N, C-alpha and C. Protein backbone atom coordinates (compact mmCIF):
# COMPACT_ATOMS: atom_id res chain seq x y z
N UNK A 1 16.85 -7.43 -2.09
CA UNK A 1 15.52 -7.20 -2.04
C UNK A 1 14.82 -7.94 -2.62
N UNK A 2 14.02 -8.37 -2.12
CA UNK A 2 13.06 -9.91 -2.46
C UNK A 2 11.89 -8.85 -3.31
N UNK A 3 11.37 -8.95 -4.30
CA UNK A 3 10.00 -8.72 -4.76
C UNK A 3 8.81 -9.95 -5.42
N UNK A 4 8.14 -9.22 -4.68
CA UNK A 4 6.74 -10.51 -4.74
C UNK A 4 5.85 -9.85 -5.47
N UNK A 5 4.68 -10.45 -6.70
CA UNK A 5 4.00 -10.63 -7.68
C UNK A 5 2.52 -10.92 -6.62
N UNK A 6 1.47 -9.85 -6.49
CA UNK A 6 0.08 -10.22 -6.14
C UNK A 6 -0.86 -10.39 -7.24
N UNK A 7 -1.72 -11.53 -7.26
CA UNK A 7 -2.55 -11.16 -8.62
C UNK A 7 -3.71 -11.20 -7.34
N UNK A 8 -4.61 -9.94 -7.61
CA UNK A 8 -5.97 -9.66 -6.88
C UNK A 8 -5.79 -9.65 -4.97
N UNK A 9 -4.58 -9.04 -5.28
CA UNK A 9 -4.18 -8.72 -3.70
C UNK A 9 -5.36 -7.98 -2.69
N UNK A 10 -5.76 -8.78 -1.85
CA UNK A 10 -7.01 -8.39 -0.81
C UNK A 10 -7.95 -8.04 -1.55
N UNK A 11 -8.37 -9.31 -2.63
CA UNK A 11 -9.68 -8.93 -3.42
C UNK A 11 -9.69 -7.69 -4.31
N UNK A 12 -8.11 -7.04 -4.60
CA UNK A 12 -8.69 -6.23 -5.66
C UNK A 12 -8.35 -6.77 -7.10
N UNK A 13 -8.03 -5.83 -7.60
CA UNK A 13 -8.20 -6.17 -9.63
C UNK A 13 -6.81 -5.95 -9.73
N UNK A 14 -6.19 -7.21 -10.33
CA UNK A 14 -5.26 -6.97 -11.23
C UNK A 14 -4.15 -7.92 -10.61
N UNK A 15 -2.56 -6.65 -10.39
CA UNK A 15 -1.77 -7.26 -10.33
C UNK A 15 -0.59 -6.02 -9.24
N UNK A 16 -0.14 -6.66 -8.39
CA UNK A 16 0.41 -5.52 -7.32
C UNK A 16 1.80 -5.92 -7.40
N UNK A 17 2.85 -5.35 -7.41
CA UNK A 17 4.52 -5.80 -7.08
C UNK A 17 4.84 -5.11 -6.01
N UNK A 18 5.40 -5.87 -5.35
CA UNK A 18 5.98 -5.14 -4.00
C UNK A 18 7.16 -5.83 -3.34
N UNK A 19 8.30 -4.45 -3.95
CA UNK A 19 9.23 -4.79 -3.36
C UNK A 19 9.69 -4.43 -2.20
N UNK A 20 10.42 -5.66 -1.23
CA UNK A 20 10.08 -5.29 -0.10
C UNK A 20 11.71 -4.45 0.46
N UNK A 21 12.31 -3.17 0.26
CA UNK A 21 13.17 -2.83 1.03
C UNK A 21 14.08 -3.40 2.09
N UNK A 22 13.66 -3.81 3.11
CA UNK A 22 14.22 -4.36 4.19
C UNK A 22 13.70 -5.80 4.52
N UNK A 23 14.59 -6.42 4.76
CA UNK A 23 14.12 -8.04 4.97
C UNK A 23 13.68 -8.12 6.42
N UNK A 24 13.40 -9.17 7.06
CA UNK A 24 12.69 -9.80 8.24
C UNK A 24 13.82 -9.24 9.66
N UNK A 25 15.09 -9.26 9.00
CA UNK A 25 16.33 -9.13 9.72
C UNK A 25 16.56 -7.90 10.15
N UNK A 26 16.87 -7.01 9.09
CA UNK A 26 16.80 -5.69 8.98
C UNK A 26 15.65 -5.18 9.50
N UNK A 27 14.15 -5.15 9.67
CA UNK A 27 13.52 -4.71 10.50
C UNK A 27 13.29 -4.98 11.82
N UNK A 28 14.12 -5.93 11.81
CA UNK A 28 14.44 -5.89 13.92
C UNK A 28 12.96 -6.31 15.26
N UNK A 29 12.24 -6.80 14.50
CA UNK A 29 10.96 -7.00 15.15
C UNK A 29 10.33 -5.81 15.26
N UNK A 30 10.52 -4.45 14.64
CA UNK A 30 9.63 -3.12 15.18
C UNK A 30 9.09 -3.21 13.91
N UNK A 31 9.11 -3.70 12.37
CA UNK A 31 8.17 -3.59 11.76
C UNK A 31 7.82 -5.06 10.78
N UNK A 32 6.39 -4.67 10.73
CA UNK A 32 6.35 -5.58 9.42
C UNK A 32 6.61 -5.53 8.01
N UNK A 33 7.24 -4.17 7.44
CA UNK A 33 7.28 -3.99 6.19
C UNK A 33 7.78 -2.64 6.12
N UNK A 34 8.18 -2.83 5.05
CA UNK A 34 9.16 -1.51 4.15
C UNK A 34 9.00 -1.70 3.51
N UNK A 35 8.00 -1.19 2.47
CA UNK A 35 8.48 -1.67 0.86
C UNK A 35 7.79 -0.57 -0.51
N UNK A 36 8.38 -0.75 -1.43
CA UNK A 36 7.87 -0.34 -2.24
C UNK A 36 6.26 -0.54 -3.27
N UNK A 37 5.49 -0.34 -3.11
CA UNK A 37 4.59 -1.02 -3.94
C UNK A 37 3.97 -0.12 -5.43
N UNK A 38 4.14 -1.49 -6.75
CA UNK A 38 3.49 -0.77 -7.65
C UNK A 38 2.11 -1.57 -8.64
N UNK A 39 1.46 -0.18 -8.49
CA UNK A 39 0.10 -0.91 -9.16
C UNK A 39 -0.25 -0.29 -10.59
N UNK A 40 -0.20 -0.95 -11.06
CA UNK A 40 -0.80 -0.83 -12.69
C UNK A 40 -1.65 -0.04 -12.95
N UNK A 41 -1.66 0.30 -14.25
CA UNK A 41 -3.44 1.23 -14.56
C UNK A 41 -4.26 0.33 -14.27
N UNK A 42 -5.50 1.06 -13.47
CA UNK A 42 -6.87 -0.12 -13.92
C UNK A 42 -6.64 -1.51 -12.96
N UNK A 43 -5.55 -1.75 -11.83
CA UNK A 43 -5.29 -2.24 -10.74
C UNK A 43 -5.71 -1.62 -9.50
N UNK A 44 -5.78 -2.63 -8.32
CA UNK A 44 -5.74 -1.57 -7.11
C UNK A 44 -5.69 -3.42 -6.16
N UNK A 45 -5.12 -2.50 -4.84
CA UNK A 45 -5.02 -3.44 -3.67
C UNK A 45 -6.17 -3.35 -2.69
N UNK A 46 -7.26 -4.49 -2.83
CA UNK A 46 -8.20 -4.21 -2.40
C UNK A 46 -8.76 -3.86 -0.75
N UNK A 47 -9.87 -3.73 0.24
CA UNK A 47 -10.06 -3.06 1.00
C UNK A 47 -9.57 -3.94 2.28
N UNK A 48 -8.75 -3.69 3.07
CA UNK A 48 -7.96 -4.11 4.02
C UNK A 48 -8.07 -4.02 5.25
N UNK A 49 -7.85 -4.78 6.61
CA UNK A 49 -8.11 -3.89 8.11
C UNK A 49 -6.76 -4.14 8.82
N UNK A 50 -6.28 -3.55 9.37
CA UNK A 50 -5.02 -3.85 10.07
C UNK A 50 -5.48 -3.58 11.88
N UNK A 51 -4.93 -4.82 11.93
CA UNK A 51 -4.71 -5.41 13.68
C UNK A 51 -3.48 -5.31 14.54
N UNK A 52 -3.19 -4.91 15.27
CA UNK A 52 -2.13 -4.67 16.15
C UNK A 52 -0.66 -4.40 15.50
N UNK A 53 -1.61 -3.16 14.65
CA UNK A 53 -0.39 -2.27 13.30
C UNK A 53 -0.96 -1.55 13.03
N UNK A 54 -0.36 -0.30 12.33
CA UNK A 54 -0.35 1.16 11.52
C UNK A 54 0.38 0.56 10.75
N UNK A 55 -0.40 1.52 9.41
CA UNK A 55 0.04 1.13 7.80
C UNK A 55 0.20 2.72 7.46
N UNK A 56 1.22 3.35 6.92
CA UNK A 56 1.39 4.44 6.13
C UNK A 56 1.94 4.68 4.74
N UNK A 57 1.13 4.76 3.65
CA UNK A 57 1.47 5.45 2.39
C UNK A 57 2.32 6.15 2.34
N UNK A 58 3.31 6.36 1.57
CA UNK A 58 3.88 7.95 0.72
C UNK A 58 3.48 7.85 -0.59
N UNK A 59 2.97 8.45 -1.74
CA UNK A 59 2.92 8.65 -2.57
C UNK A 59 3.89 9.09 -3.65
N UNK A 60 4.57 8.49 -4.63
CA UNK A 60 5.95 8.46 -5.00
C UNK A 60 5.90 8.82 -6.67
N UNK A 61 4.52 8.39 -7.19
CA UNK A 61 4.40 8.51 -8.70
C UNK A 61 2.96 8.35 -8.81
N UNK A 62 2.31 8.82 -9.79
CA UNK A 62 1.22 8.31 -10.16
C UNK A 62 -0.19 8.88 -9.19
N UNK A 63 -1.21 8.48 -9.83
CA UNK A 63 -2.42 9.10 -9.10
C UNK A 63 -3.47 7.81 -8.33
N UNK A 64 -4.44 7.97 -8.20
CA UNK A 64 -5.06 7.21 -7.24
C UNK A 64 -6.33 7.27 -6.67
N UNK A 65 -7.04 6.55 -6.14
CA UNK A 65 -7.91 6.84 -5.16
C UNK A 65 -7.91 5.85 -3.98
N UNK A 66 -8.03 6.29 -2.55
CA UNK A 66 -7.55 5.75 -1.34
C UNK A 66 -9.05 5.75 -1.28
N UNK A 67 -9.17 4.25 -0.34
CA UNK A 67 -10.35 3.91 0.34
C UNK A 67 -10.17 3.84 2.22
N UNK A 68 -9.76 5.32 2.52
CA UNK A 68 -9.66 4.69 4.16
C UNK A 68 -11.21 4.89 5.12
N UNK A 69 -11.63 3.67 5.52
CA UNK A 69 -12.60 3.11 5.98
C UNK A 69 -13.67 3.43 5.43
N UNK A 70 -14.09 3.33 4.30
CA UNK A 70 -15.11 3.85 3.34
C UNK A 70 -15.20 4.89 2.49
N UNK A 71 -14.41 6.43 3.20
CA UNK A 71 -14.43 7.33 2.74
C UNK A 71 -13.29 7.46 1.69
N UNK A 72 -13.84 7.84 0.32
CA UNK A 72 -12.87 7.92 -1.02
C UNK A 72 -12.20 9.11 -0.99
N UNK A 73 -11.18 9.18 -1.67
CA UNK A 73 -10.30 10.47 -1.78
C UNK A 73 -8.77 10.27 -3.09
N UNK A 74 -9.36 10.97 -3.57
CA UNK A 74 -7.91 11.16 -4.70
C UNK A 74 -6.46 10.99 -3.95
N UNK A 75 -5.63 10.25 -4.42
CA UNK A 75 -4.38 10.73 -3.89
C UNK A 75 -3.03 10.67 -5.24
N UNK A 76 -2.08 11.62 -4.97
CA UNK A 76 -1.45 12.08 -6.06
C UNK A 76 -0.01 12.00 -5.53
N UNK A 77 1.06 12.63 -6.29
CA UNK A 77 2.41 12.29 -5.53
C UNK A 77 2.66 13.43 -4.31
N UNK A 78 3.20 13.08 -3.37
CA UNK A 78 3.60 13.58 -2.57
C UNK A 78 2.45 13.44 -1.27
N UNK A 79 1.49 12.74 -1.79
CA UNK A 79 0.31 12.63 -0.63
C UNK A 79 0.94 11.48 0.29
N UNK A 80 0.41 11.00 1.59
CA UNK A 80 0.69 10.52 2.43
C UNK A 80 -0.64 10.15 3.00
N UNK A 81 -1.06 8.84 3.58
CA UNK A 81 -1.97 8.43 4.41
C UNK A 81 -1.45 7.27 5.44
N UNK A 82 -2.58 7.47 6.31
CA UNK A 82 -2.10 6.75 7.49
C UNK A 82 -3.67 6.00 8.20
N UNK A 83 -3.56 4.40 8.16
CA UNK A 83 -4.06 3.53 8.61
C UNK A 83 -4.31 2.95 10.12
N UNK A 84 -4.93 3.54 11.46
CA UNK A 84 -4.29 3.15 12.66
C UNK A 84 -4.85 2.32 12.88
N UNK A 85 -4.06 1.35 13.88
CA UNK A 85 -4.84 0.01 14.52
C UNK A 85 -6.26 -0.05 14.90
N UNK A 86 -7.04 -1.34 13.78
CA UNK A 86 -8.49 -1.50 13.83
C UNK A 86 -9.10 -0.71 13.04
N UNK A 87 -8.31 -0.07 11.86
CA UNK A 87 -8.72 0.49 10.69
C UNK A 87 -8.62 -0.20 9.65
N UNK A 88 -9.16 0.17 8.36
CA UNK A 88 -8.93 -0.47 7.34
C UNK A 88 -8.83 0.69 5.75
N UNK A 89 -8.10 0.02 5.09
CA UNK A 89 -8.17 0.82 3.75
C UNK A 89 -7.69 -0.01 2.44
N UNK A 90 -7.55 0.39 0.96
CA UNK A 90 -7.77 0.16 0.07
C UNK A 90 -7.02 0.70 -0.79
N UNK A 91 -6.67 0.66 -1.88
CA UNK A 91 -5.99 2.04 -3.16
C UNK A 91 -6.28 1.53 -4.26
N UNK A 92 -6.90 2.33 -5.59
CA UNK A 92 -6.88 2.12 -6.92
C UNK A 92 -6.09 2.45 -7.68
N UNK A 93 -5.18 2.57 -8.60
CA UNK A 93 -4.73 3.01 -9.88
C UNK A 93 -5.81 3.62 -10.64
N UNK A 94 -6.08 4.90 -10.69
CA UNK A 94 -7.06 5.42 -11.37
C UNK A 94 -6.19 6.27 -12.50
N UNK A 95 -5.00 6.47 -12.83
CA UNK A 95 -4.35 7.17 -13.72
C UNK A 95 -3.76 6.00 -15.00
N UNK A 96 -3.20 6.97 -15.53
CA UNK A 96 -2.56 6.40 -17.42
C UNK A 96 -1.55 5.65 -17.13
N UNK A 97 -0.35 5.79 -15.46
CA UNK A 97 0.51 5.34 -15.57
C UNK A 97 0.81 4.51 -13.96
N UNK A 98 1.95 3.88 -13.91
CA UNK A 98 2.06 3.40 -12.60
C UNK A 98 1.94 3.96 -11.64
N UNK A 99 1.02 3.46 -10.39
CA UNK A 99 0.80 4.02 -9.00
C UNK A 99 2.24 3.37 -8.21
N UNK A 100 3.07 4.47 -7.95
CA UNK A 100 4.26 3.84 -7.27
C UNK A 100 4.02 4.54 -5.83
N UNK A 101 4.20 3.85 -4.72
CA UNK A 101 3.88 4.52 -3.30
C UNK A 101 5.22 3.28 -2.22
N UNK A 102 5.64 4.03 -1.03
CA UNK A 102 6.28 3.58 0.03
C UNK A 102 5.20 2.83 1.06
N UNK A 103 5.09 2.09 1.46
CA UNK A 103 4.18 1.23 2.19
C UNK A 103 5.28 1.09 3.61
N UNK A 104 4.57 1.25 4.93
CA UNK A 104 5.11 0.73 5.83
C UNK A 104 4.23 0.44 6.91
N UNK A 105 4.08 -0.64 7.57
CA UNK A 105 4.23 -0.99 8.83
C UNK A 105 4.48 -1.19 9.82
N UNK A 106 3.91 -0.62 10.97
CA UNK A 106 4.66 -0.95 12.17
C UNK A 106 3.94 -1.65 13.25
N UNK A 107 4.61 -2.31 13.68
CA UNK A 107 3.71 -2.79 15.17
C UNK A 107 3.14 -1.78 16.16
N UNK A 108 2.33 -2.07 16.37
CA UNK A 108 1.38 -1.10 17.93
C UNK A 108 1.63 -1.88 18.95
């Protein structure tokens, strides 16, 4: 598994750690990414749009504020989000522990 550290990811604050669960060969051209994402308290993954793909987050630890095309809502353990093709999103850790979620990007 490859781990990538992104500073100010998509214009966000601080550091985001992405642990890729499957590599490109294992994704078999069906998906762009299947990963565990960790965002430290006070950090964020900036707002970004998806084109020709969709993305789902499944929150497994912590809490945050999810930006769904400009509509903000809280997320916590057990919540899922879905961003379809042509739409955008971002997420910020609003808690005092790491925010950890699974991220799946599927090609449309």
